[in-house]
Protein backbone atom coordinates (compact mmCIF):
# COMPACT_ATOMS: atom_id res chain seq x y z
CA UNK A 1 92.60 -67.07 -23.29
CA UNK A 2 94.35 -67.63 -26.76
CA UNK A 3 92.00 -66.39 -29.53
CA UNK A 4 92.90 -67.71 -32.87
CA UNK A 5 91.15 -67.09 -36.18
CA UNK A 6 89.37 -70.15 -37.79
CA UNK A 7 89.91 -73.50 -36.18
CA UNK A 8 93.06 -73.63 -33.85
CA UNK A 9 93.75 -77.17 -35.14
CA UNK A 10 93.25 -76.70 -38.96
CA UNK A 11 96.43 -75.38 -40.41
CA UNK A 12 97.35 -73.31 -37.25
CA UNK A 13 99.51 -73.80 -34.43
CA UNK A 14 97.16 -75.13 -31.76
CA UNK A 15 98.66 -78.47 -31.63
CA UNK A 16 101.98 -77.10 -31.04
CA UNK A 17 100.61 -74.60 -28.31
CA UNK A 18 98.32 -77.28 -26.80
CA UNK A 19 101.67 -79.81 -26.77
CA UNK A 20 103.82 -77.01 -25.27
CA UNK A 21 100.89 -76.73 -22.44
CA UNK A 22 100.96 -80.18 -21.68
CA UNK A 23 104.69 -80.49 -21.41
CA UNK A 24 104.49 -78.01 -18.94
CA UNK A 25 101.63 -79.79 -16.74
CA UNK A 26 99.46 -76.88 -17.60
CA UNK A 27 95.79 -77.68 -18.25
CA UNK A 28 93.85 -76.58 -20.90
CA UNK A 29 90.59 -76.50 -23.23
CA UNK A 30 90.50 -76.43 -26.72
CA UNK A 31 87.33 -74.63 -28.29
CA UNK A 32 87.20 -75.75 -32.08
CA UNK A 33 86.17 -72.74 -34.30
CA UNK A 34 84.83 -72.55 -37.81
CA UNK A 35 87.87 -73.03 -40.02
CA UNK A 36 88.29 -70.30 -42.87
CA UNK A 37 88.21 -73.11 -45.39
CA UNK A 38 84.12 -73.34 -44.85
CA UNK A 39 83.69 -69.66 -43.63
CA UNK A 40 85.57 -67.56 -46.14
CA UNK A 41 83.77 -69.40 -49.24
CA UNK A 42 80.57 -69.29 -47.59
CA UNK A 43 80.69 -65.50 -46.87
CA UNK A 44 81.69 -65.10 -50.84
CA UNK A 45 78.33 -67.48 -51.78
CA UNK A 46 80.52 -70.36 -52.48
CA UNK A 47 79.17 -73.82 -51.02
CA UNK A 48 82.09 -76.08 -50.65
CA UNK A 49 79.71 -79.27 -51.59
CA UNK A 50 76.69 -79.50 -53.80
CA UNK A 51 74.45 -82.70 -54.03
CA UNK A 52 74.61 -82.64 -57.62
CA UNK A 53 78.42 -81.63 -58.39
CA UNK A 54 80.48 -82.03 -55.54
CA UNK A 55 79.86 -84.44 -52.69
CA UNK A 56 83.29 -84.12 -51.23
CA UNK A 57 85.84 -81.34 -50.59
CA UNK A 58 89.62 -81.39 -49.86
CA UNK A 59 91.30 -78.93 -47.81
CA UNK A 60 95.17 -78.43 -48.32
CA UNK A 61 97.84 -75.97 -47.53
CA UNK A 62 99.55 -74.39 -50.32
CA UNK A 63 102.48 -73.09 -48.03
CA UNK A 64 104.30 -76.12 -46.40
CA UNK A 65 106.74 -75.80 -43.50
CA UNK A 66 109.81 -74.58 -45.52
CA UNK A 67 112.17 -77.15 -43.32
CA UNK A 68 110.61 -80.06 -45.00
CA UNK A 69 113.14 -81.42 -47.25
CA UNK A 70 110.36 -82.26 -49.95
CA UNK A 71 106.67 -81.50 -50.41
CA UNK A 72 104.06 -83.98 -48.84
CA UNK A 73 101.40 -82.85 -50.90
CA UNK A 74 100.36 -84.95 -53.94
CA UNK A 75 98.56 -82.50 -56.09
CA UNK A 76 98.20 -84.79 -59.11
CA UNK A 77 96.53 -87.36 -56.36
CA UNK A 78 93.92 -84.76 -55.13
CA UNK A 79 93.19 -83.95 -58.79
CA UNK A 80 91.95 -87.41 -59.11
CA UNK A 81 89.97 -87.27 -56.22
CA UNK A 82 87.50 -84.81 -57.61
CA UNK A 83 85.07 -82.65 -55.45
CA UNK A 84 86.01 -79.17 -54.16
CA UNK A 85 89.63 -78.34 -53.43
CA UNK A 86 90.07 -75.57 -50.88
CA UNK A 87 93.85 -74.10 -50.97
CA UNK A 88 94.79 -72.26 -47.67
CA UNK A 89 97.90 -69.77 -47.98
CA UNK A 90 98.66 -70.71 -51.51
CA UNK A 91 98.79 -67.32 -53.15
CA UNK A 92 102.48 -67.28 -53.53
CA UNK A 93 102.43 -70.79 -55.20
CA UNK A 94 99.13 -70.92 -56.94
CA UNK A 95 100.91 -71.04 -60.67
CA UNK A 96 102.83 -74.17 -59.82
CA UNK A 97 99.83 -75.69 -57.77
CA UNK A 98 97.47 -75.07 -60.87
CA UNK A 99 99.65 -76.55 -63.41
CA UNK A 100 100.45 -79.74 -61.13
CA UNK A 101 96.42 -79.92 -60.71
CA UNK A 102 95.87 -79.67 -64.20
CA UNK A 103 98.73 -82.30 -65.00
CA UNK A 104 97.01 -84.50 -62.41
CA UNK A 105 93.43 -84.36 -64.83
CA UNK A 106 91.91 -81.30 -63.86
CA UNK A 107 90.48 -79.25 -66.82
CA UNK A 108 92.17 -75.84 -67.22
CA UNK A 109 89.02 -74.18 -67.25
CA UNK A 110 87.91 -75.73 -64.07
CA UNK A 111 86.11 -72.74 -62.20
CA UNK A 112 88.37 -71.33 -59.45
CA UNK A 113 87.91 -68.33 -56.97
CA UNK A 114 90.07 -66.65 -54.71
CA UNK A 115 88.43 -64.86 -51.43
CA UNK A 116 90.53 -62.43 -49.71
CA UNK A 117 89.61 -61.08 -46.11
CA UNK A 118 86.88 -63.33 -45.83
CA UNK A 119 84.06 -62.53 -43.61
CA UNK A 120 85.49 -58.96 -43.06
CA UNK A 121 83.74 -55.67 -44.19
CA UNK A 122 86.48 -55.56 -47.01
CA UNK A 123 86.10 -58.88 -48.24
CA UNK A 124 86.54 -59.21 -51.78
CA UNK A 125 86.26 -62.29 -54.21
CA UNK A 126 88.06 -62.72 -57.68
CA UNK A 127 86.54 -65.65 -60.06
CA UNK A 128 88.40 -66.99 -62.84
CA UNK A 129 89.60 -70.55 -64.03
CA UNK A 130 91.98 -72.96 -62.77
CA UNK A 131 94.34 -71.95 -65.78
CA UNK A 132 94.22 -68.22 -65.30
CA UNK A 133 93.24 -67.57 -61.85
CA UNK A 134 97.21 -66.86 -60.97
CA UNK A 135 97.14 -64.14 -63.35
CA UNK A 136 94.58 -61.93 -61.25
CA UNK A 137 96.16 -59.54 -59.03
CA UNK A 138 95.98 -61.87 -55.77
CA UNK A 139 97.06 -60.76 -52.50
CA UNK A 140 97.57 -62.57 -49.33
CA UNK A 141 95.60 -63.64 -47.33
CA UNK A 142 93.27 -65.95 -49.96
CA UNK A 143 91.28 -68.56 -49.62
CA UNK A 144 91.20 -70.58 -52.86
CA UNK A 145 88.55 -72.54 -53.98
CA UNK A 146 88.69 -75.00 -57.00
CA UNK A 147 85.96 -77.01 -58.53
CA UNK A 148 82.32 -76.53 -59.92
CA UNK A 149 80.98 -74.95 -56.87
CA UNK A 150 83.09 -71.83 -57.48
CA UNK A 151 80.81 -70.69 -60.27
CA UNK A 152 78.08 -70.37 -57.66
CA UNK A 153 77.31 -66.81 -56.77
CA UNK A 154 75.08 -66.91 -53.96
CA UNK A 155 75.86 -63.49 -52.85
CA UNK A 156 74.47 -62.25 -49.54
CA UNK A 157 77.10 -60.83 -47.66
CA UNK A 158 78.43 -57.98 -49.96
CA UNK A 159 74.90 -57.22 -51.21
CA UNK A 160 74.08 -55.44 -47.62
CA UNK A 161 73.33 -51.69 -48.02
CA UNK A 162 76.64 -50.66 -45.83
CA UNK A 163 78.99 -53.17 -47.16
CA UNK A 164 82.22 -51.65 -47.62
CA UNK A 165 81.46 -48.89 -45.53
CA UNK A 166 83.54 -47.67 -42.27
CA UNK A 167 80.94 -46.12 -40.10
CA UNK A 168 82.03 -43.98 -36.93
CA UNK A 169 79.96 -44.34 -33.80
CA UNK A 170 80.45 -41.45 -31.31
CA UNK A 171 78.15 -42.63 -28.29
CA UNK A 172 79.50 -43.29 -25.07
CA UNK A 173 80.93 -46.64 -24.56
CA UNK A 174 78.12 -47.97 -22.32
CA UNK A 175 75.54 -46.79 -25.16
CA UNK A 176 77.26 -47.92 -28.40
CA UNK A 177 76.47 -51.40 -28.51
CA UNK A 178 73.12 -51.32 -30.04
CA UNK A 179 74.04 -49.11 -32.66
CA UNK A 180 77.21 -50.57 -33.68
CA UNK A 181 75.42 -54.24 -33.56
CA UNK A 182 72.75 -52.62 -36.08
CA UNK A 183 75.07 -51.05 -38.12
CA UNK A 184 77.26 -54.21 -38.50
CA UNK A 185 73.98 -56.42 -39.24
CA UNK A 186 73.57 -54.09 -42.31
CA UNK A 187 77.57 -54.96 -43.32
CA UNK A 188 79.19 -51.70 -42.04
CA UNK A 189 82.43 -51.96 -40.62
CA UNK A 190 81.93 -49.95 -37.38
CA UNK A 191 84.50 -47.78 -35.69
CA UNK A 192 83.58 -46.74 -32.16
CA UNK A 193 85.07 -43.40 -31.09
CA UNK A 194 83.37 -42.47 -27.71
CA UNK A 195 83.20 -38.81 -27.63
CA UNK A 196 81.59 -38.69 -24.13
CA UNK A 197 82.16 -40.41 -20.93
CA UNK A 198 78.99 -40.93 -18.53
CA UNK A 199 79.95 -40.11 -15.02
CA UNK A 200 78.59 -39.68 -11.83
CA UNK A 201 77.20 -36.15 -10.56
CA UNK A 202 79.48 -33.75 -8.80
CA UNK A 203 77.53 -34.67 -5.33
CA UNK A 204 77.84 -38.42 -6.18
CA UNK A 205 74.16 -38.64 -6.74
CA UNK A 206 73.06 -37.29 -3.63
CA UNK A 207 70.37 -35.14 -5.04
CA UNK A 208 69.10 -37.83 -6.73
CA UNK A 209 69.04 -40.45 -4.41
CA UNK A 210 67.20 -38.02 -2.14
CA UNK A 211 64.47 -37.32 -4.75
CA UNK A 212 64.32 -41.12 -5.42
CA UNK A 213 63.21 -41.32 -2.00
CA UNK A 214 60.45 -38.69 -2.04
CA UNK A 215 59.51 -40.01 -5.15
CA UNK A 216 55.70 -40.68 -3.99
CA UNK A 217 55.59 -36.84 -3.54
CA UNK A 218 55.47 -36.01 -7.16
CA UNK A 219 52.58 -36.36 -9.60
CA UNK A 220 55.01 -37.15 -12.62
CA UNK A 221 58.49 -38.21 -13.28
CA UNK A 222 59.84 -37.15 -16.65
CA UNK A 223 62.73 -38.94 -18.04
CA UNK A 224 64.32 -37.72 -21.44
CA UNK A 225 67.42 -40.43 -21.76
CA UNK A 226 68.08 -43.91 -21.36
CA UNK A 227 70.86 -42.89 -19.04
CA UNK A 228 68.63 -40.69 -16.78
CA UNK A 229 66.19 -43.59 -16.62
CA UNK A 230 68.52 -46.07 -15.76
CA UNK A 231 70.09 -44.09 -12.91
CA UNK A 232 66.73 -43.01 -11.53
CA UNK A 233 65.72 -46.51 -11.32
CA UNK A 234 68.70 -47.85 -9.77
CA UNK A 235 67.99 -45.32 -6.80
CA UNK A 236 64.54 -46.56 -6.20
CA UNK A 237 63.94 -48.65 -3.07
CA UNK A 238 61.01 -50.38 -4.11
CA UNK A 239 58.75 -49.93 -7.29
CA UNK A 240 55.72 -49.23 -5.23
CA UNK A 241 56.86 -45.93 -4.09
CA UNK A 242 55.77 -45.12 -7.82
CA UNK A 243 52.00 -45.86 -6.74
CA UNK A 244 50.24 -43.01 -7.95
CA UNK A 245 52.97 -41.46 -9.92
CA UNK A 246 52.74 -41.23 -13.63
CA UNK A 247 55.76 -41.71 -15.91
CA UNK A 248 56.73 -39.79 -19.06
CA UNK A 249 59.53 -40.88 -21.54
CA UNK A 250 60.99 -39.20 -24.38
CA UNK A 251 61.88 -41.98 -26.94
CA UNK A 252 61.50 -45.90 -27.07
CA UNK A 253 65.02 -46.10 -25.82
CA UNK A 254 64.14 -44.52 -22.48
CA UNK A 255 61.07 -46.63 -22.35
CA UNK A 256 63.04 -49.76 -22.88
CA UNK A 257 64.98 -48.94 -19.63
CA UNK A 258 62.08 -48.33 -17.77
CA UNK A 259 60.65 -51.76 -19.07
CA UNK A 260 63.86 -53.60 -17.59
CA UNK A 261 62.36 -52.35 -14.18
CA UNK A 262 58.75 -53.44 -15.21
CA UNK A 263 57.66 -49.99 -15.44
CA UNK A 264 54.96 -49.15 -17.83
CA UNK A 265 55.05 -45.47 -19.38
CA UNK A 266 52.03 -43.31 -19.20
CA UNK A 267 52.99 -40.62 -21.92
CA UNK A 268 55.77 -40.80 -24.56
CA UNK A 269 55.25 -38.29 -27.65
CA UNK A 270 55.58 -39.33 -31.30
CA UNK A 271 58.54 -37.37 -31.88
CA UNK A 272 61.14 -37.84 -29.32
CA UNK A 273 62.05 -34.28 -28.47
CA UNK A 274 60.92 -32.03 -25.38
CA UNK A 275 58.69 -29.72 -27.70
CA UNK A 276 57.02 -32.63 -28.62
CA UNK A 277 56.28 -33.91 -25.14
CA UNK A 278 55.19 -30.61 -23.91
CA UNK A 279 52.75 -30.39 -26.76
CA UNK A 280 50.87 -33.54 -25.12
CA UNK A 281 51.55 -32.67 -21.44
CA UNK A 282 48.80 -32.27 -19.16
CA UNK A 283 48.00 -29.20 -17.22
CA UNK A 284 47.96 -29.22 -13.41
CA UNK A 285 44.12 -29.46 -11.87
CA UNK A 286 43.09 -28.36 -8.46
CA UNK A 287 41.55 -30.64 -6.00
CA UNK A 288 37.86 -30.94 -6.27
CA UNK A 289 35.16 -33.04 -4.64
CA UNK A 290 35.68 -35.69 -7.81
CA UNK A 291 39.53 -35.83 -7.31
CA UNK A 292 40.35 -34.72 -3.75
CA UNK A 293 44.14 -35.00 -4.68
CA UNK A 294 43.98 -33.35 -7.85
CA UNK A 295 47.14 -32.70 -9.60
CA UNK A 296 49.01 -30.92 -7.27
CA UNK A 297 51.45 -29.58 -9.94
CA UNK A 298 54.62 -31.43 -8.98
CA UNK A 299 57.13 -33.10 -11.70
CA UNK A 300 60.41 -34.43 -11.24
CA UNK A 301 62.87 -34.49 -14.09
CA UNK A 302 66.30 -36.63 -13.41
CA UNK A 303 68.63 -35.50 -16.57
CA UNK A 304 72.11 -34.88 -17.33
CA UNK A 305 73.91 -31.71 -15.41
CA UNK A 306 74.30 -30.03 -18.99
CA UNK A 307 70.92 -30.00 -20.84
CA UNK A 308 68.38 -27.49 -22.59
CA UNK A 309 66.01 -25.84 -20.46
CA UNK A 310 63.01 -26.21 -22.83
CA UNK A 311 61.18 -28.95 -20.71
CA UNK A 312 61.48 -27.31 -17.32
CA UNK A 313 60.81 -23.88 -18.49
CA UNK A 314 57.71 -25.10 -20.51
CA UNK A 315 56.27 -27.02 -17.81
CA UNK A 316 56.60 -23.99 -15.06
CA UNK A 317 54.96 -21.76 -17.83
CA UNK A 318 51.84 -24.40 -17.70
CA UNK A 319 51.84 -24.21 -13.56
CA UNK A 320 53.83 -27.18 -12.80
CA UNK A 321 56.41 -27.22 -9.95
CA UNK A 322 59.42 -28.53 -11.11
CA UNK A 323 62.22 -30.22 -9.47
CA UNK A 324 65.36 -31.05 -11.49
CA UNK A 325 67.86 -33.18 -10.28
CA UNK A 326 71.38 -34.23 -11.76
CA UNK A 327 71.65 -37.94 -12.79
CA UNK A 328 74.69 -38.00 -14.45
CA UNK A 329 77.30 -35.78 -16.08
CA UNK A 330 78.71 -36.09 -19.84
CA UNK A 331 82.31 -35.27 -20.08
CA UNK A 332 84.35 -35.26 -23.24
CA UNK A 333 86.23 -38.47 -23.91
CA UNK A 334 89.99 -38.44 -25.00
CA UNK A 335 90.45 -39.61 -28.60
CA UNK A 336 93.45 -41.57 -29.04
CA UNK A 337 95.88 -41.22 -32.18
CA UNK A 338 95.01 -44.68 -33.46
CA UNK A 339 91.49 -43.87 -33.39
CA UNK A 340 92.09 -40.51 -35.09
CA UNK A 341 93.89 -42.69 -37.83
CA UNK A 342 90.93 -45.20 -38.26
CA UNK A 343 88.28 -41.95 -38.50
CA UNK A 344 90.66 -40.71 -41.39
CA UNK A 345 89.58 -43.68 -43.39
CA UNK A 346 86.01 -43.56 -42.70
CA UNK A 347 83.15 -42.76 -45.11
CA UNK A 348 80.19 -42.06 -42.60
CA UNK A 349 79.71 -40.74 -39.16
CA UNK A 350 76.97 -40.90 -36.94
CA UNK A 351 75.58 -38.75 -34.06
CA UNK A 352 73.15 -39.30 -31.57
CA UNK A 353 73.55 -36.44 -29.48
CA UNK A 354 74.65 -32.77 -29.55
CA UNK A 355 77.25 -33.25 -26.99
CA UNK A 356 78.68 -35.93 -29.16
CA UNK A 357 79.00 -33.37 -31.91
CA UNK A 358 80.48 -30.62 -29.95
CA UNK A 359 82.79 -32.89 -28.22
CA UNK A 360 83.90 -34.37 -31.57
CA UNK A 361 84.48 -31.48 -33.24
CA UNK A 362 86.54 -30.02 -30.21
CA UNK A 363 88.65 -32.91 -30.15
CA UNK A 364 89.30 -34.01 -33.67
CA UNK A 365 88.24 -30.88 -35.74
CA UNK A 366 86.19 -29.99 -38.73
CA UNK A 367 88.55 -31.15 -41.38
CA UNK A 368 89.09 -34.55 -39.98
CA UNK A 369 85.09 -35.50 -40.17
CA UNK A 370 84.07 -38.17 -42.42
CA UNK A 371 82.33 -37.06 -45.67
CA UNK A 372 78.81 -38.21 -44.98
CA UNK A 373 77.18 -37.00 -41.33
CA UNK A 374 74.05 -38.44 -40.09
CA UNK A 375 72.07 -37.15 -37.02
CA UNK A 376 69.41 -38.91 -34.84
CA UNK A 377 67.28 -36.14 -34.77
CA UNK A 378 66.70 -32.53 -34.93
CA UNK A 379 68.63 -31.00 -32.00
CA UNK A 380 71.55 -33.18 -32.97
CA UNK A 381 71.08 -32.15 -36.41
CA UNK A 382 71.04 -28.60 -35.51
CA UNK A 383 74.11 -28.93 -33.56
CA UNK A 384 75.94 -30.16 -36.39
CA UNK A 385 75.26 -27.35 -38.78
CA UNK A 386 76.11 -25.03 -35.79
CA UNK A 387 79.56 -26.74 -35.73
CA UNK A 388 80.32 -26.12 -39.18
CA UNK A 389 79.72 -29.36 -40.67
CA UNK A 390 77.67 -30.55 -43.55
CA UNK A 391 74.39 -32.41 -42.44
CA UNK A 392 74.14 -35.65 -45.00
CA UNK A 393 70.90 -36.84 -43.26
CA UNK A 394 68.63 -36.35 -40.30
CA UNK A 395 66.64 -39.17 -39.20
CA UNK A 396 63.03 -38.97 -39.68
CA UNK A 397 62.48 -41.63 -36.86
CA UNK A 398 64.54 -40.25 -33.82
CA UNK A 399 65.65 -43.92 -32.77
CA UNK A 400 68.68 -45.81 -33.16
CA UNK A 401 66.74 -48.15 -35.80
CA UNK A 402 65.98 -44.72 -37.44
CA UNK A 403 69.66 -43.65 -37.39
CA UNK A 404 70.61 -46.78 -39.04
CA UNK A 405 68.10 -46.40 -41.70
CA UNK A 406 68.86 -42.96 -42.44
CA UNK A 407 72.62 -44.04 -43.12
CA UNK A 408 71.47 -46.57 -45.34
CA UNK A 409 69.77 -44.47 -47.29
CA UNK A 410 72.14 -41.83 -47.71
CA UNK A 411 74.84 -44.27 -48.52
CA UNK A 412 72.47 -45.61 -51.05
CA UNK A 413 71.62 -42.19 -52.64
CA UNK A 414 75.59 -41.39 -52.77
CA UNK A 415 76.13 -44.74 -54.64
CA UNK A 416 73.39 -43.84 -57.22
CA UNK A 417 74.65 -40.34 -57.63
CA UNK A 418 78.04 -41.85 -58.35
CA UNK A 419 76.85 -43.95 -60.90
CA UNK A 420 75.40 -41.28 -62.74
CA UNK A 421 71.99 -40.94 -64.68
CA UNK A 422 70.07 -44.01 -65.61
CA UNK A 423 71.39 -46.07 -63.06
CA UNK A 424 68.98 -47.87 -60.76
CA UNK A 425 69.15 -48.60 -57.15
CA UNK A 426 66.43 -50.61 -55.36
CA UNK A 427 66.14 -49.71 -51.87
CA UNK A 428 65.19 -52.14 -49.19
CA UNK A 429 64.49 -52.08 -45.54
CA UNK A 430 67.48 -53.22 -44.26
CA UNK A 431 66.13 -53.83 -40.75
CA UNK A 432 63.13 -55.84 -41.88
């Protein structure tokens, strides 16, 4: 596969590459893309056409093949066509291009704009006039738009709450996707730095498989993480084995995994920590005439190899017989030098578990931590403090959506503080 930004047949070398493949007798397929001539202006809030002012647009290169004996672009004729003019690769020749367009009849004060790094999190837009745009500090790559549409400012892209922010995501590769997606949706440039690897238990999962085969012997199965839920469900032979067994889950992410297997959660605390589950967990009961089985007091907890003992200990204190089995291990993940360099450029780092905090600090160090630190909940927040890091925010809702919202709020407050007294920031829900 050959990936090309924009459209491979619009001022690119797609045709040359296709010809080479054709000459070699190699079959190929072309997948058209969206050219930067349209995409970059759209992300800058500039439509290339408007019903009342621009009913056509011309796309032209500002940098022709240097082997040509003379230019094939008649700028004066293009000026006479009217409508919008989109110039690609034209920064270095913009002054001459502007002069020729003006000579062809375009007004010197015709609106003009340059979009640099269009569609990226470091996108910037400079607006001026045709005569003066070349005097601005332009840097390639730029998409240049000339015409009345260049005065439009339908800004939607850079108004997002995390636009321009580089945010480090420290979740494992298997789990980073949803957090990264939500952060990108609100404008962040995401840097995925997995600090943990999810691996099979030392026994290759034999204890978990055995417990799954005996699951009907338990009254409750308590799942404290999405990883545990997925691995437990994958070992079930038949969902009917859970008949008569109640399911408890900590957090909607864990419940969502169970739902993928068509399993409904019977108990989930409002706050997604072990202590809150203990607060609402029932006590075992003795068999009686009304309830011959009773609640015999057996609980299965599939979980990570290293985890807090709050839940098993608390359930045992209540009289439950608790069996804990290792469903997976979390091991430190290596962090490359390239990722370390990218971390140094970031403004925000997010943590969704205490192990991610500890592994990050052990691998990278406190001094290499971005300025703003956001934790998903109280356990992770305490790990941040224990590691000697300054906590910027703790999610009030201990979910991925809550982590994203807290990140947006923290960045917004920091921006307001930087603007000084008297400034105003309107906070919106970026996830609505």
